[in-house]
Amino acid sequence: MIATWMLSALLFSALMAAAAWCAEVALRAARTPTRWPWLIALAASVTWPVVAPIARQLLPAPPASAPGVAVLPSISVSSQLPTAPSWPLQLDRMLLAVWIIASVIVLTRLVRALVVLSRIRKTSTPQVVDGLDVLVSEHMGPAVVGVVAPSVLVPSSLLDLDEPLRRLILRHEDEHRRAHDPWIVLGSAIAVALVPWNVPLWWVTRRARLALEVDCDARVLATNANAVQYGKLLLLIAQRQTITALAPMLAAYNSHLERRIDAMLATPPRRLRMKFAAAVLGTVVIGTAACTSRIGDIAAPRPEAAAVRRALPVNVGQPYFAFQVEKEVRQVPGTGNLRYPDVLRKANVEGQVTAQFIVDENGKYEPASFKELQSDHALFTLAIRNALPDMVFYPAEIGGKKVKQVVQQPFTFSLSKLAALGTVAQAPAANVTAPTRGAPRRLDAVESSVKIREQAPVQAAPAPARRDPSYVDFKVARQAMQIPGTGNLRYPDMLRSANIEGEVLAQFVVNDDGTYMDGSFKVIRSSHELFTEAVKNALPNMRFYPAEVDGKKVKQLLQQPFTFNLSR
């Protein structure tokens, strides 16, 4: 959140700086003061990143054209383990810490500069020079010190200059005081201290200081002063002065001297109107780009955009809609009377069902809208279908009005202990590992506020509709076991590149010769269809030690979990 907000502020400040530069070109061509574009860019760069997120959240969302999708927390009978902070959250914390440290450093420097100026003002001698009340210091100045009651500060060496030159210097500093430039300088210094990471803002502040000096020079020259003589005076003062931070001086930055002299001696350019029109057009285009909603969405996405990011589908590629609601559907705790299927509980079978359905304006489930997105067993799905009509929800809202919304909700059926199944052999888990640089993540873990407890391999007990009497799946003296190294099970490249881990629980028949029986493959649970495909492709090449009864090799129905792990 902080990282995206900072990126949005940087982009906005950069565009505002470009717009201010175009506006300065237009105003300079029109022979008018050039400070205002930079002051506007400075103020906007500081206030917009703060005001825009608040304004975008307060503005009403557009009317919904379709129901949104909400992902509700998983319903589970067991406690859930907290997940570790994600890397975006860790990055935000790091950026916030660096921000605070940098602001403290810059603010400390600012306070120190203010203290130095206050000390200089107290130790200077009040005096009237050429009819103007000034403060005379040993070496500091010329400058304007103070904000509430600013005073002109001049060095004692200034008194030795000829009266015409001295009057130009005093006139320049008095113009700064009359224009309230100390307030602008102090405000820009505070702005930079508050967001020291905003590099474009530093440049805007520097250009604003230059614009203050150029405008002040123009007002002095408007009194019929000689531009060449005034330029030489700038060079003389730059050689003698001692620069004091935060004081708008006659030559605040020596690097600005050349630009200030060029501005004083510049002649009207050719094709003045064309240059003015091009600069105005550039200002409008860049300014409009800075205020576009796309930049605003980076720092403050609208509620519907945030809902899209929160509503992650359980199945990759599953179409869904998630937008245009301000307040999402929430289940009223304790409603629904969801029951654990007795058959599966006795068989120690755990599992999960992810269901999609519509909650209407009254907080009721619409039966015709039910859709099964993922299910580990048909009995779990049936239990949810029976419980949903009795569930009560807080309906979604848009602008205070209750509306319908599509909901995706995982229901987790978990037992504290897993018992071995008596009718189906459970083979040891087959692990597939692959090296990766990034931290692995489970595909079946929803990456939002929904936290689902990672469980042991699920042992489902779906009864086949038709069974082959020629194989035995119980009372065997020795169960079927995979021969290590057979099958050439490959980790899917796409999932390995995405650092995705998962598991497939497969059911199949092993022949009495230790080979896989074609057509007997059945998926009990899978984290991703690519994992399923990898297991299905590897099974024909796998070899097993066949099951035995009284020393005779027989067929056997086998359930085996295949775990895909990424090693660091």
Protein backbone atom coordinates (compact mmCIF):
# COMPACT_ATOMS: atom_id res chain seq x y z
CA MET A 1 0.00 0.00 0.00
CA ILE A 2 2.70 2.51 0.98
CA ALA A 3 4.89 1.46 -1.95
CA THR A 4 2.13 2.01 -4.50
CA TRP A 5 1.15 5.28 -2.86
CA MET A 6 4.75 6.53 -3.06
CA LEU A 7 5.00 5.47 -6.70
CA SER A 8 1.81 7.37 -7.50
CA ALA A 9 3.13 10.48 -5.73
CA LEU A 10 6.42 10.31 -7.64
CA LEU A 11 4.64 10.02 -10.99
CA PHE A 12 2.28 12.86 -10.15
CA SER A 13 5.10 15.15 -8.97
CA ALA A 14 7.15 14.41 -12.08
CA LEU A 15 4.23 15.26 -14.37
CA MET A 16 3.44 18.41 -12.40
CA ALA A 17 7.09 19.48 -12.69
CA ALA A 18 6.96 18.99 -16.47
CA ALA A 19 3.71 20.96 -16.67
CA ALA A 20 5.23 23.78 -14.57
CA TRP A 21 8.26 23.93 -16.86
CA CYS A 22 6.01 24.30 -19.95
CA ALA A 23 3.96 26.98 -18.16
CA GLU A 24 7.16 28.86 -17.22
CA VAL A 25 8.19 28.94 -20.89
CA ALA A 26 4.80 30.37 -21.83
CA LEU A 27 4.85 33.00 -19.07
CA ARG A 28 8.42 34.02 -19.85
CA ALA A 29 7.45 34.48 -23.50
CA ALA A 30 4.56 36.67 -22.31
CA ARG A 31 6.91 38.69 -20.02
CA THR A 32 4.91 37.88 -16.88
CA PRO A 33 5.99 36.49 -13.46
CA THR A 34 7.04 32.84 -13.62
CA ARG A 35 6.74 31.84 -9.98
CA TRP A 36 3.11 30.71 -10.02
CA PRO A 37 3.45 27.47 -12.03
CA TRP A 38 6.16 26.25 -9.69
CA LEU A 39 4.25 27.22 -6.57
CA ILE A 40 1.16 25.44 -7.86
CA ALA A 41 3.23 22.34 -8.71
CA LEU A 42 4.82 22.47 -5.26
CA ALA A 43 1.49 22.72 -3.44
CA ALA A 44 -0.17 20.05 -5.60
CA SER A 45 2.73 17.60 -5.20
CA VAL A 46 2.36 17.77 -1.41
CA THR A 47 -1.42 17.86 -1.03
CA TRP A 48 -2.71 15.68 -3.88
CA PRO A 49 -1.21 12.34 -2.71
CA VAL A 50 -2.87 12.91 0.68
CA VAL A 51 -6.22 14.30 -0.47
CA ALA A 52 -6.78 12.04 -3.51
CA PRO A 53 -7.07 8.71 -1.62
CA ILE A 54 -9.53 10.25 0.84
CA ALA A 55 -11.60 11.85 -1.92
CA ARG A 56 -11.71 8.67 -4.00
CA GLN A 57 -12.94 6.64 -1.04
CA LEU A 58 -15.64 9.21 -0.18
CA LEU A 59 -16.95 9.59 -3.73
CA PRO A 60 -19.90 7.29 -4.46
CA ALA A 61 -19.13 4.33 -6.65
CA PRO A 62 -20.87 4.11 -10.05
CA PRO A 63 -24.08 2.05 -10.16
CA ALA A 64 -23.45 -1.64 -10.40
CA SER A 65 -24.21 -3.29 -13.73
CA ALA A 66 -23.57 -6.81 -12.43
CA PRO A 67 -23.24 -8.50 -9.07
CA GLY A 68 -19.77 -8.63 -7.56
CA VAL A 69 -17.97 -11.61 -6.12
CA ALA A 70 -16.95 -11.74 -2.48
CA VAL A 71 -14.61 -14.35 -1.06
CA LEU A 72 -15.79 -15.14 2.45
CA PRO A 73 -13.63 -16.61 5.21
CA SER A 74 -13.46 -20.38 5.30
CA ILE A 75 -15.87 -22.16 7.61
CA SER A 76 -13.92 -24.82 9.51
CA VAL A 77 -14.37 -26.89 12.64
CA SER A 78 -10.67 -26.62 13.47
CA SER A 79 -8.49 -23.67 14.36
CA GLN A 80 -6.51 -22.04 11.56
CA LEU A 81 -2.82 -21.24 11.58
CA PRO A 82 -1.85 -17.57 11.06
CA THR A 83 0.11 -16.88 7.90
CA ALA A 84 3.41 -14.99 7.86
CA PRO A 85 3.36 -11.37 6.69
CA SER A 86 3.54 -11.19 2.90
CA TRP A 87 6.46 -9.48 1.20
CA PRO A 88 4.40 -6.40 0.17
CA LEU A 89 3.61 -5.80 3.85
CA GLN A 90 7.27 -6.21 4.78
CA LEU A 91 8.26 -3.80 2.01
CA ASP A 92 5.74 -1.25 3.28
CA ARG A 93 7.14 -1.50 6.79
CA MET A 94 10.69 -1.03 5.53
CA LEU A 95 9.73 1.99 3.39
CA LEU A 96 7.85 3.54 6.29
CA ALA A 97 10.87 3.17 8.56
CA VAL A 98 13.21 4.74 5.98
CA TRP A 99 10.69 7.53 5.40
CA ILE A 100 10.51 8.38 9.10
CA ILE A 101 14.29 8.37 9.51
CA ALA A 102 14.82 10.60 6.46
CA SER A 103 12.12 13.05 7.58
CA VAL A 104 13.64 13.30 11.05
CA ILE A 105 17.05 14.08 9.54
CA VAL A 106 15.73 16.78 7.19
CA LEU A 107 13.48 18.31 9.87
CA THR A 108 16.43 18.42 12.28
CA ARG A 109 18.45 20.29 9.66
CA LEU A 110 15.54 22.68 9.12
CA VAL A 111 15.14 23.43 12.83
CA ARG A 112 18.88 24.01 13.14
CA ALA A 113 18.79 26.50 10.25
CA LEU A 114 15.91 28.39 11.87
CA VAL A 115 17.82 28.56 15.15
CA VAL A 116 20.90 29.93 13.35
CA LEU A 117 18.82 32.61 11.61
CA SER A 118 17.23 33.60 14.91
CA ARG A 119 20.66 33.90 16.54
CA ILE A 120 21.97 36.03 13.65
CA ARG A 121 18.97 38.33 13.90
CA LYS A 122 19.48 38.85 17.63
CA THR A 123 23.19 39.61 17.29
CA SER A 124 22.77 42.07 14.36
CA THR A 125 22.63 45.84 14.79
CA PRO A 126 19.46 47.72 13.77
CA GLN A 127 20.22 50.69 11.49
CA VAL A 128 18.57 52.94 8.90
CA VAL A 129 20.31 52.77 5.51
CA ASP A 130 19.04 54.94 2.64
CA GLY A 131 15.70 55.36 4.38
CA LEU A 132 15.17 51.60 5.01
CA ASP A 133 15.28 49.84 8.40
CA VAL A 134 17.85 47.07 8.18
CA LEU A 135 19.92 44.76 10.37
CA VAL A 136 23.68 45.06 9.93
CA SER A 137 25.79 41.94 10.46
CA GLU A 138 29.50 41.30 10.24
CA HIS A 139 29.48 38.90 7.31
CA MET A 140 25.95 37.52 6.73
CA GLY A 141 23.67 38.75 3.98
CA PRO A 142 22.23 40.31 2.04
CA ALA A 143 19.09 38.38 2.91
CA VAL A 144 15.63 38.56 4.47
CA VAL A 145 15.43 36.91 7.89
CA GLY A 146 12.30 36.10 9.85
CA VAL A 147 8.87 34.98 8.72
CA VAL A 148 6.25 36.67 10.89
CA ALA A 149 8.10 40.03 10.94
CA PRO A 150 10.80 39.71 8.25
CA SER A 151 13.77 42.08 8.27
CA VAL A 152 16.42 42.92 5.69
CA LEU A 153 19.86 41.71 6.76
CA VAL A 154 22.96 43.24 5.12
CA PRO A 155 26.69 42.80 5.75
CA SER A 156 28.73 45.72 7.05
CA SER A 157 30.74 45.75 3.81
CA LEU A 158 27.60 46.85 1.98
CA LEU A 159 27.84 50.28 3.60
CA ASP A 160 31.09 50.94 1.67
CA LEU A 161 29.39 50.63 -1.76
CA ASP A 162 28.24 53.61 -3.79
CA GLU A 163 24.70 54.72 -3.02
CA PRO A 164 23.20 53.65 -6.44
CA LEU A 165 24.54 50.10 -6.06
CA ARG A 166 23.54 49.96 -2.42
CA ARG A 167 20.01 51.05 -3.32
CA LEU A 168 19.72 48.21 -5.87
CA ILE A 169 20.66 45.66 -3.23
CA LEU A 170 18.27 47.07 -0.67
CA ARG A 171 15.52 47.30 -3.29
CA HIS A 172 15.99 43.61 -4.18
CA GLU A 173 15.73 42.41 -0.58
CA ASP A 174 12.81 44.72 0.16
CA GLU A 175 10.98 43.22 -2.84
CA HIS A 176 11.46 39.76 -1.30
CA ARG A 177 10.00 41.02 1.96
CA ARG A 178 7.01 42.72 0.27
CA ALA A 179 6.20 39.57 -1.74
CA HIS A 180 6.22 37.40 1.44
CA ASP A 181 8.87 35.17 -0.09
CA PRO A 182 10.15 33.97 3.33
CA TRP A 183 6.81 32.18 3.82
CA ILE A 184 7.21 30.42 0.47
CA VAL A 185 10.80 29.38 1.22
CA LEU A 186 9.87 28.03 4.66
CA GLY A 187 6.81 26.21 3.30
CA SER A 188 8.83 24.51 0.56
CA ALA A 189 11.47 23.45 3.10
CA ILE A 190 8.78 21.88 5.32
CA ALA A 191 7.23 20.11 2.30
CA VAL A 192 10.56 18.55 1.37
CA ALA A 193 11.13 17.49 4.97
CA LEU A 194 7.74 15.74 5.11
CA VAL A 195 8.34 13.71 1.91
CA PRO A 196 12.12 13.60 1.50
CA TRP A 197 11.89 10.60 -0.87
CA ASN A 198 10.00 12.67 -3.47
CA VAL A 199 12.88 13.49 -5.82
CA PRO A 200 10.77 15.54 -8.31
CA LEU A 201 9.61 17.71 -5.39
CA TRP A 202 13.23 18.66 -4.60
CA TRP A 203 13.67 19.81 -8.19
CA VAL A 204 10.38 21.74 -8.13
CA THR A 205 11.48 23.46 -4.91
CA ARG A 206 14.79 24.50 -6.45
CA ARG A 207 13.09 25.85 -9.58
CA ALA A 208 10.59 27.71 -7.41
CA ARG A 209 13.50 29.42 -5.63
CA LEU A 210 14.94 30.41 -9.00
CA ALA A 211 11.57 31.76 -10.12
CA LEU A 212 11.37 33.91 -6.96
CA GLU A 213 14.75 35.43 -7.75
CA VAL A 214 13.96 36.00 -11.43
CA ASP A 215 10.66 37.71 -10.59
CA CYS A 216 12.39 39.86 -7.98
CA ASP A 217 15.09 40.83 -10.51
CA ALA A 218 12.37 41.81 -12.99
CA ARG A 219 10.68 44.09 -10.43
CA VAL A 220 14.00 45.79 -9.63
CA LEU A 221 14.77 46.35 -13.32
CA ALA A 222 11.28 47.79 -13.79
CA THR A 223 12.50 50.84 -11.79
CA ASN A 224 14.70 51.84 -14.80
CA ALA A 225 17.80 50.12 -13.37
CA ASN A 226 20.59 49.29 -15.81
CA ALA A 227 20.50 45.55 -16.58
CA VAL A 228 24.24 45.26 -17.30
CA GLN A 229 25.19 47.12 -14.12
CA TYR A 230 22.74 45.03 -12.13
CA GLY A 231 24.21 41.81 -13.52
CA LYS A 232 27.72 42.83 -12.53
CA LEU A 233 26.41 43.63 -9.06
CA LEU A 234 25.01 40.06 -8.83
CA LEU A 235 28.47 38.67 -9.55
CA LEU A 236 30.07 40.94 -6.96
CA ILE A 237 27.61 39.94 -4.24
CA ALA A 238 28.03 36.24 -5.09
CA GLN A 239 31.77 36.55 -4.45
CA ARG A 240 31.37 38.30 -1.11
CA GLN A 241 28.25 36.77 0.44
CA THR A 242 27.94 34.01 3.03
CA ILE A 243 24.97 31.81 2.12
CA THR A 244 22.46 31.22 4.88
CA ALA A 245 19.90 28.47 4.45
CA LEU A 246 16.25 29.45 4.05
CA ALA A 247 17.05 33.12 3.36
CA PRO A 248 15.99 34.37 -0.09
CA MET A 249 19.22 36.15 -1.00
CA LEU A 250 20.31 38.27 -3.90
CA ALA A 251 22.24 35.23 -5.16
CA ALA A 252 20.73 32.35 -3.20
CA TYR A 253 22.38 29.72 -5.42
CA ASN A 254 25.47 30.64 -7.41
CA SER A 255 24.44 28.06 -10.00
CA HIS A 256 21.38 30.22 -10.71
CA LEU A 257 23.38 33.34 -11.54
CA GLU A 258 23.80 32.50 -15.21
CA ARG A 259 20.09 31.81 -15.67
CA ARG A 260 19.13 34.99 -13.84
CA ILE A 261 21.44 37.11 -15.98
CA ASP A 262 20.18 35.39 -19.15
CA ALA A 263 16.61 36.14 -18.10
CA MET A 264 17.47 39.84 -17.56
CA LEU A 265 19.28 40.26 -20.88
CA ALA A 266 17.09 37.99 -23.01
CA THR A 267 15.51 39.44 -26.12
CA PRO A 268 12.02 38.43 -27.35
CA PRO A 269 12.31 35.15 -29.32
CA ARG A 270 11.25 34.72 -32.89
CA ARG A 271 7.81 33.30 -33.54
CA LEU A 272 6.74 34.37 -30.07
CA ARG A 273 3.09 33.44 -30.54
CA MET A 274 3.91 29.94 -31.80
CA LYS A 275 6.24 29.31 -28.85
CA PHE A 276 3.62 30.60 -26.42
CA ALA A 277 0.89 28.40 -27.93
CA ALA A 278 3.12 25.30 -27.87
CA ALA A 279 4.03 25.91 -24.23
CA VAL A 280 0.39 26.38 -23.24
CA LEU A 281 -0.59 23.18 -25.09
CA GLY A 282 2.17 21.26 -23.34
CA THR A 283 1.01 22.55 -19.97
CA VAL A 284 -2.59 21.46 -20.60
CA VAL A 285 -1.67 18.00 -21.93
CA ILE A 286 0.82 17.17 -19.17
CA GLY A 287 -1.39 18.62 -16.46
CA THR A 288 -4.31 16.52 -17.67
CA ALA A 289 -2.10 13.43 -17.70
CA ALA A 290 -1.06 14.15 -14.10
CA CYS A 291 -4.68 14.24 -12.98
CA THR A 292 -5.76 11.13 -14.87
CA SER A 293 -7.60 8.48 -12.90
CA ARG A 294 -5.01 5.82 -13.78
CA ILE A 295 -2.39 7.51 -11.62
CA GLY A 296 -4.98 7.97 -8.89
CA ASP A 297 -5.88 4.28 -9.00
CA ILE A 298 -2.29 3.39 -8.09
CA ALA A 299 -2.47 5.30 -4.81
CA ALA A 300 -6.18 4.90 -4.07
CA PRO A 301 -8.05 2.22 -6.01
CA ARG A 302 -11.78 2.50 -5.90
CA PRO A 303 -13.63 0.00 -3.72
CA GLU A 304 -14.60 -2.08 -6.74
CA ALA A 305 -10.97 -2.33 -7.84
CA ALA A 306 -9.92 -3.38 -4.36
CA ALA A 307 -12.63 -6.02 -4.40
CA VAL A 308 -11.18 -7.47 -7.58
CA ARG A 309 -7.80 -7.94 -5.92
CA ARG A 310 -9.33 -9.44 -2.79
CA ALA A 311 -11.60 -11.87 -4.62
CA LEU A 312 -9.08 -14.42 -5.86
CA PRO A 313 -10.65 -17.40 -7.57
CA VAL A 314 -9.88 -20.80 -6.15
CA ASN A 315 -9.45 -22.40 -9.58
CA VAL A 316 -6.98 -20.63 -11.85
CA GLY A 317 -8.78 -19.61 -15.03
CA GLN A 318 -12.23 -19.76 -13.45
CA PRO A 319 -14.22 -16.73 -14.69
CA TYR A 320 -15.69 -14.51 -12.02
CA PHE A 321 -16.76 -10.92 -11.39
CA ALA A 322 -15.66 -8.78 -8.45
CA PHE A 323 -16.37 -5.06 -8.60
CA GLN A 324 -18.68 -2.17 -7.80
CA VAL A 325 -19.60 -2.95 -4.18
CA GLU A 326 -18.60 -0.79 -1.24
CA LYS A 327 -19.48 -3.28 1.50
CA GLU A 328 -19.15 -6.99 0.77
CA VAL A 329 -21.36 -9.87 1.90
CA ARG A 330 -20.61 -11.26 5.38
CA GLN A 331 -22.13 -14.36 6.95
CA VAL A 332 -23.98 -13.95 10.22
CA PRO A 333 -22.05 -16.19 12.67
CA GLY A 334 -23.84 -19.28 13.95
CA THR A 335 -26.36 -19.59 11.12
CA GLY A 336 -26.77 -22.53 8.77
CA ASN A 337 -26.37 -25.62 11.00
CA LEU A 338 -23.68 -27.10 8.75
CA ARG A 339 -23.31 -30.82 9.61
CA TYR A 340 -20.34 -33.10 9.03
CA PRO A 341 -21.49 -36.09 6.92
CA ASP A 342 -21.67 -39.12 9.24
CA VAL A 343 -20.26 -41.53 6.67
CA LEU A 344 -17.17 -39.40 6.04
CA ARG A 345 -16.66 -38.64 9.71
CA LYS A 346 -16.68 -42.33 10.58
CA ALA A 347 -14.24 -42.96 7.74
CA ASN A 348 -11.96 -40.19 9.06
CA VAL A 349 -12.23 -38.34 5.74
CA GLU A 350 -11.45 -34.61 5.66
CA GLY A 351 -11.91 -32.22 2.78
CA GLN A 352 -12.94 -28.87 1.46
CA VAL A 353 -15.62 -27.47 -0.80
CA THR A 354 -15.48 -24.08 -2.49
CA ALA A 355 -18.97 -22.98 -3.45
CA GLN A 356 -20.23 -20.04 -5.46
CA PHE A 357 -23.72 -18.65 -4.93
CA ILE A 358 -25.71 -15.42 -4.85
CA VAL A 359 -26.79 -13.61 -1.68
CA ASP A 360 -29.81 -11.38 -2.32
CA GLU A 361 -30.69 -7.95 -0.87
CA ASN A 362 -32.32 -9.61 2.16
CA GLY A 363 -29.22 -11.61 3.06
CA LYS A 364 -30.72 -14.89 1.82
CA TYR A 365 -29.14 -17.54 -0.38
CA GLU A 366 -30.65 -18.03 -3.86
CA PRO A 367 -30.88 -21.84 -4.35
CA ALA A 368 -30.76 -21.73 -8.16
CA SER A 369 -27.43 -19.89 -8.06
CA PHE A 370 -25.39 -22.62 -6.35
CA LYS A 371 -22.26 -23.72 -8.19
CA GLU A 372 -19.54 -26.09 -7.03
CA LEU A 373 -16.08 -24.71 -7.87
CA GLN A 374 -14.06 -27.35 -6.02
CA SER A 375 -15.05 -30.32 -3.89
CA ASP A 376 -13.22 -33.21 -2.29
CA HIS A 377 -16.37 -35.36 -1.99
CA ALA A 378 -19.98 -35.27 -3.14
CA LEU A 379 -21.23 -35.72 0.44
CA PHE A 380 -19.44 -32.55 1.54
CA THR A 381 -21.13 -30.69 -1.33
CA LEU A 382 -24.53 -32.12 -0.34
CA ALA A 383 -24.02 -31.01 3.28
CA ILE A 384 -23.38 -27.44 2.13
CA ARG A 385 -26.42 -27.47 -0.18
CA ASN A 386 -28.60 -28.53 2.77
CA ALA A 387 -27.13 -25.88 5.11
CA LEU A 388 -27.15 -22.85 2.79
CA PRO A 389 -30.95 -22.21 2.86
CA ASP A 390 -30.71 -21.74 6.65
CA MET A 391 -27.68 -19.44 6.50
CA VAL A 392 -28.21 -15.71 7.00
CA PHE A 393 -25.86 -13.04 5.58
CA TYR A 394 -25.29 -9.32 5.90
CA PRO A 395 -26.01 -8.26 2.29
CA ALA A 396 -23.61 -6.27 0.09
CA GLU A 397 -24.12 -2.50 -0.15
CA ILE A 398 -23.52 0.22 -2.73
CA GLY A 399 -24.07 3.80 -1.60
CA GLY A 400 -25.95 2.57 1.46
CA LYS A 401 -28.31 0.48 -0.70
CA LYS A 402 -28.44 -3.30 -0.27
CA VAL A 403 -27.74 -5.24 -3.47
CA LYS A 404 -27.15 -8.80 -4.65
CA GLN A 405 -23.65 -10.20 -4.82
CA VAL A 406 -21.99 -13.37 -6.06
CA VAL A 407 -20.09 -15.05 -3.24
CA GLN A 408 -17.23 -17.52 -3.29
CA GLN A 409 -16.85 -19.27 0.06
CA PRO A 410 -14.62 -22.18 1.07
CA PHE A 411 -16.04 -24.68 3.58
CA THR A 412 -13.40 -26.82 5.32
CA PHE A 413 -14.33 -30.14 6.92
CA SER A 414 -11.54 -31.10 9.33
CA LEU A 415 -11.11 -33.83 11.92
CA SER A 416 -8.65 -33.67 14.80
CA LYS A 417 -7.29 -37.14 14.00
CA LEU A 418 -7.06 -39.11 10.78
CA ALA A 419 -7.89 -42.79 10.88
CA ALA A 420 -6.61 -45.30 8.36
CA LEU A 421 -9.15 -46.44 5.78
CA GLY A 422 -10.08 -50.13 5.92
CA THR A 423 -11.15 -50.72 2.33
CA VAL A 424 -8.65 -48.73 0.30
CA ALA A 425 -4.88 -49.04 0.56
CA GLN A 426 -3.11 -45.75 1.30
CA ALA A 427 0.30 -45.60 -0.38
CA PRO A 428 3.14 -43.40 0.94
CA ALA A 429 3.25 -39.89 -0.51
CA ALA A 430 5.33 -39.49 -3.65
CA ASN A 431 7.36 -36.27 -3.43
CA VAL A 432 8.41 -34.30 -6.48
CA THR A 433 10.95 -31.54 -5.80
CA ALA A 434 12.35 -28.78 -7.94
CA PRO A 435 14.91 -26.00 -7.16
CA THR A 436 13.69 -22.45 -7.01
CA ARG A 437 14.99 -19.09 -5.90
CA GLY A 438 11.77 -17.58 -4.59
CA ALA A 439 9.78 -18.65 -1.58
CA PRO A 440 7.25 -21.38 -2.44
CA ARG A 441 3.55 -20.79 -2.05
CA ARG A 442 0.61 -23.16 -2.05
CA LEU A 443 -1.89 -22.74 -4.81
CA ASP A 444 -4.76 -23.85 -2.60
CA ALA A 445 -4.08 -21.08 -0.06
CA VAL A 446 -6.19 -18.02 -0.81
CA GLU A 447 -3.84 -15.00 -0.77
CA SER A 448 -6.19 -12.55 0.96
CA SER A 449 -7.67 -12.34 4.41
CA VAL A 450 -8.94 -15.92 3.95
CA LYS A 451 -6.60 -18.26 5.85
CA ILE A 452 -7.10 -21.99 5.33
CA ARG A 453 -5.34 -24.51 7.54
CA GLU A 454 -2.87 -26.66 5.59
CA GLN A 455 -3.89 -30.25 6.19
CA ALA A 456 -2.34 -33.67 5.89
CA PRO A 457 -3.02 -35.58 2.66
CA VAL A 458 -6.76 -36.09 2.40
CA GLN A 459 -8.09 -39.62 2.38
CA ALA A 460 -11.43 -39.55 0.67
CA ALA A 461 -13.56 -42.66 0.30
CA PRO A 462 -15.67 -42.33 -2.83
CA ALA A 463 -17.27 -45.69 -3.55
CA PRO A 464 -16.96 -46.69 -7.22
CA ALA A 465 -20.28 -47.28 -8.91
CA ARG A 466 -18.96 -50.42 -10.60
CA ARG A 467 -16.16 -52.53 -9.20
CA ASP A 468 -14.02 -55.14 -10.91
CA PRO A 469 -14.34 -58.39 -8.86
CA SER A 470 -11.05 -59.62 -10.24
CA TYR A 471 -8.96 -57.48 -7.89
CA VAL A 472 -8.70 -57.45 -4.13
CA ASP A 473 -8.54 -54.20 -2.14
CA PHE A 474 -8.59 -55.60 1.37
CA LYS A 475 -7.23 -58.43 3.52
CA VAL A 476 -4.01 -58.54 1.57
CA ALA A 477 -0.89 -59.98 3.15
CA ARG A 478 1.27 -57.40 1.40
CA GLN A 479 0.03 -54.15 -0.10
CA ALA A 480 1.10 -52.76 -3.45
CA MET A 481 4.09 -50.39 -3.29
CA GLN A 482 5.68 -48.23 -5.96
CA ILE A 483 9.18 -49.20 -7.07
CA PRO A 484 11.37 -46.13 -6.39
CA GLY A 485 12.66 -44.26 -9.43
CA THR A 486 9.96 -45.44 -11.86
CA GLY A 487 7.48 -43.26 -13.66
CA ASN A 488 9.60 -40.19 -14.47
CA LEU A 489 7.12 -37.86 -12.73
CA ARG A 490 7.94 -34.31 -13.88
CA TYR A 491 7.26 -31.03 -12.10
CA PRO A 492 5.14 -28.80 -14.42
CA ASP A 493 7.40 -26.03 -15.76
CA MET A 494 4.73 -23.35 -15.50
CA LEU A 495 4.04 -24.04 -11.83
CA ARG A 496 7.74 -24.37 -11.00
CA SER A 497 8.40 -20.93 -12.55
CA ALA A 498 5.55 -19.47 -10.49
CA ASN A 499 6.92 -21.04 -7.27
CA ILE A 500 3.66 -22.96 -6.76
CA GLU A 501 3.53 -26.12 -4.65
CA GLY A 502 0.69 -28.58 -4.38
CA GLU A 503 -0.54 -32.12 -4.04
CA VAL A 504 -2.59 -34.67 -5.95
CA LEU A 505 -4.39 -37.55 -4.24
CA ALA A 506 -5.00 -40.15 -6.94
CA GLN A 507 -6.89 -43.46 -6.93
CA PHE A 508 -6.02 -46.22 -9.39
CA VAL A 509 -5.67 -49.98 -9.75
CA VAL A 510 -2.33 -51.83 -9.71
CA ASN A 511 -2.38 -55.05 -11.76
CA ASP A 512 -1.03 -58.34 -10.47
CA ASP A 513 2.08 -57.80 -12.64
CA GLY A 514 2.83 -54.46 -10.92
CA THR A 515 1.65 -52.21 -13.75
CA TYR A 516 -0.97 -49.48 -13.73
CA MET A 517 -4.42 -50.49 -15.05
CA ASP A 518 -5.42 -48.16 -17.88
CA GLY A 519 -8.69 -46.35 -17.29
CA SER A 520 -8.69 -46.83 -13.52
CA PHE A 521 -7.25 -43.37 -12.75
CA LYS A 522 -9.42 -41.12 -10.61
CA VAL A 523 -8.61 -37.81 -8.90
CA ILE A 524 -9.65 -37.57 -5.27
CA ARG A 525 -8.14 -34.12 -4.73
CA SER A 526 -5.79 -31.90 -6.69
CA SER A 527 -4.27 -28.47 -6.11
CA HIS A 528 -3.99 -27.77 -9.85
CA GLU A 529 -4.96 -29.47 -13.08
CA LEU A 530 -1.33 -29.35 -14.30
CA PHE A 531 -0.26 -31.43 -11.27
CA THR A 532 -3.06 -33.89 -12.13
CA GLU A 533 -1.90 -34.10 -15.73
CA ALA A 534 1.69 -34.77 -14.63
CA VAL A 535 0.60 -37.67 -12.40
CA LYS A 536 -1.70 -39.11 -15.08
CA ASN A 537 1.11 -39.03 -17.68
CA ALA A 538 3.62 -40.67 -15.31
CA LEU A 539 1.44 -43.54 -14.06
CA PRO A 540 1.72 -45.77 -17.20
CA ASN A 541 5.53 -45.78 -16.74
CA MET A 542 5.41 -46.50 -13.01
CA ARG A 543 6.12 -49.98 -11.71
CA PHE A 544 4.87 -51.43 -8.42
CA TYR A 545 5.48 -54.40 -6.19
CA PRO A 546 2.03 -56.01 -6.60
CA ALA A 547 -0.19 -56.89 -3.66
CA GLU A 548 -0.19 -60.47 -2.43
CA VAL A 549 -2.72 -62.79 -0.77
CA ASP A 550 -1.43 -66.17 0.47
CA GLY A 551 1.67 -65.76 -1.68
CA LYS A 552 -0.37 -65.08 -4.80
CA LYS A 553 -0.08 -61.75 -6.60
CA VAL A 554 -3.42 -59.95 -7.01
CA LYS A 555 -4.81 -56.65 -8.23
CA GLN A 556 -5.37 -53.88 -5.70
CA LEU A 557 -7.16 -50.52 -5.58
CA LEU A 558 -4.64 -47.93 -4.38
CA GLN A 559 -4.85 -44.36 -3.14
CA GLN A 560 -1.56 -42.48 -3.32
CA PRO A 561 -0.76 -38.82 -2.63
CA PHE A 562 1.80 -37.16 -4.91
CA THR A 563 3.37 -34.08 -3.29
CA PHE A 564 5.07 -31.42 -5.44
CA ASN A 565 7.65 -29.53 -3.35
CA LEU A 566 10.03 -26.70 -4.20
CA SER A 567 13.37 -26.85 -2.41
CA ARG A 568 15.40 -23.67 -1.73
